Amino acid sequence: MSDGLRHDALFVSLTRPQMFAGVTYSFFVINAVIAVELFLVFGSLWALLAAVLVHGMGVLIHLEEPRIVDLWLTRVRHCPRVKNHALWRCNSYRA
């Protein structure tokens, strides 16, 4: 076994985004802002239940890909809809 495959330790904490309660920090902040807005609009504590449910879905999504929110924000920011999207059914990158 000494002349088998060589392996190195990978420090996952250096390659993963900053996480808070199972989700990325950006997702947590977005969820908190939406929960506060819902509470201010409706004045009900049901907004907290909605925030907990959204957070739970976020935890499940972040188990598969930790950077899913950052990837989505980058796509929205850098890949806008083109004028003829209905015709070609695709987007293009901004030049």
Protein backbone atom coordinates (compact mmCIF):
# COMPACT_ATOMS: atom_id res chain seq x y z
CA MET A 1 0.00 0.00 0.00
CA SER A 2 2.91 2.38 0.46
CA ASP A 3 3.52 2.61 -3.31
CA GLY A 4 -0.20 3.18 -4.12
CA LEU A 5 -1.90 6.41 -5.01
CA ARG A 6 -0.61 9.59 -3.42
CA HIS A 7 -3.25 11.85 -1.90
CA ASP A 8 -3.20 15.32 -0.41
CA ALA A 9 -5.55 16.85 2.12
CA LEU A 10 -8.02 19.32 0.64
CA PHE A 11 -9.02 22.14 2.93
CA VAL A 12 -12.70 22.48 2.01
CA SER A 13 -13.14 25.44 4.33
CA LEU A 14 -10.85 27.45 2.06
CA THR A 15 -12.79 26.59 -1.10
CA ARG A 16 -16.40 26.98 0.10
CA PRO A 17 -18.25 30.28 0.52
CA GLN A 18 -19.04 31.77 3.91
CA MET A 19 -22.00 29.83 5.34
CA PHE A 20 -24.49 30.79 8.04
CA ALA A 21 -27.03 28.25 9.36
CA GLY A 22 -26.55 26.00 6.33
CA VAL A 23 -26.92 28.67 3.63
CA THR A 24 -24.59 31.25 2.15
CA TYR A 25 -24.43 34.63 3.80
CA SER A 26 -25.93 36.37 0.74
CA PHE A 27 -28.94 34.01 0.75
CA PHE A 28 -29.39 34.57 4.49
CA VAL A 29 -29.39 38.36 4.05
CA ILE A 30 -31.82 38.21 1.12
CA ASN A 31 -34.13 35.94 3.14
CA ALA A 32 -33.94 38.25 6.16
CA VAL A 33 -34.78 41.33 4.08
CA ILE A 34 -37.77 39.58 2.50
CA ALA A 35 -38.98 38.37 5.91
CA VAL A 36 -38.75 41.87 7.40
CA GLU A 37 -40.59 43.36 4.42
CA LEU A 38 -43.35 40.75 4.72
CA PHE A 39 -43.64 41.46 8.43
CA LEU A 40 -43.85 45.21 7.86
CA VAL A 41 -46.43 44.88 5.09
CA PHE A 42 -48.72 42.33 6.75
CA GLY A 43 -47.93 42.95 10.43
CA SER A 44 -48.21 39.26 11.21
CA LEU A 45 -45.81 36.73 12.67
CA TRP A 46 -46.69 34.39 9.80
CA ALA A 47 -43.86 36.15 7.94
CA LEU A 48 -41.44 34.36 10.27
CA LEU A 49 -42.92 31.02 9.29
CA ALA A 50 -42.47 31.92 5.63
CA ALA A 51 -38.84 32.89 6.32
CA VAL A 52 -38.21 29.56 8.07
CA LEU A 53 -39.73 27.63 5.15
CA VAL A 54 -37.65 29.57 2.60
CA HIS A 55 -34.56 29.01 4.74
CA GLY A 56 -35.26 25.27 4.85
CA MET A 57 -35.56 25.15 1.07
CA GLY A 58 -32.33 27.11 0.85
CA VAL A 59 -30.54 24.58 3.04
CA LEU A 60 -31.66 21.77 0.74
CA ILE A 61 -30.55 23.70 -2.35
CA HIS A 62 -27.18 24.60 -0.82
CA LEU A 63 -26.42 20.96 -0.03
CA GLU A 64 -26.06 20.27 -3.75
CA GLU A 65 -24.24 23.48 -4.80
CA PRO A 66 -23.06 25.95 -2.14
CA ARG A 67 -22.61 28.82 -4.61
CA ILE A 68 -26.04 28.57 -6.25
CA VAL A 69 -27.13 32.07 -5.22
CA ASP A 70 -23.87 33.65 -6.38
CA LEU A 71 -24.12 31.82 -9.71
CA TRP A 72 -27.72 32.99 -10.16
CA LEU A 73 -26.84 36.61 -9.29
CA THR A 74 -23.94 36.53 -11.77
CA ARG A 75 -26.21 35.14 -14.48
CA VAL A 76 -28.84 37.80 -13.87
CA ARG A 77 -26.25 40.57 -13.80
CA HIS A 78 -24.20 39.56 -16.87
CA CYS A 79 -26.67 37.70 -19.12
CA PRO A 80 -29.57 40.05 -19.81
CA ARG A 81 -32.39 39.10 -22.14
CA VAL A 82 -31.77 40.03 -25.74
CA LYS A 83 -34.43 41.82 -27.76
CA ASN A 84 -35.13 38.79 -29.95
CA HIS A 85 -35.28 36.22 -27.14
CA ALA A 86 -38.77 35.10 -28.19
CA LEU A 87 -37.48 34.27 -31.67
CA TRP A 88 -34.20 32.51 -30.81
CA ARG A 89 -35.09 31.32 -27.26
CA CYS A 90 -31.63 32.08 -25.87
CA ASN A 91 -29.63 34.85 -24.26
CA SER A 92 -26.22 36.21 -25.09
CA TYR A 93 -23.40 37.67 -23.08
CA ARG A 94 -22.88 41.39 -22.98
CA ALA A 95 -19.85 42.45 -25.04
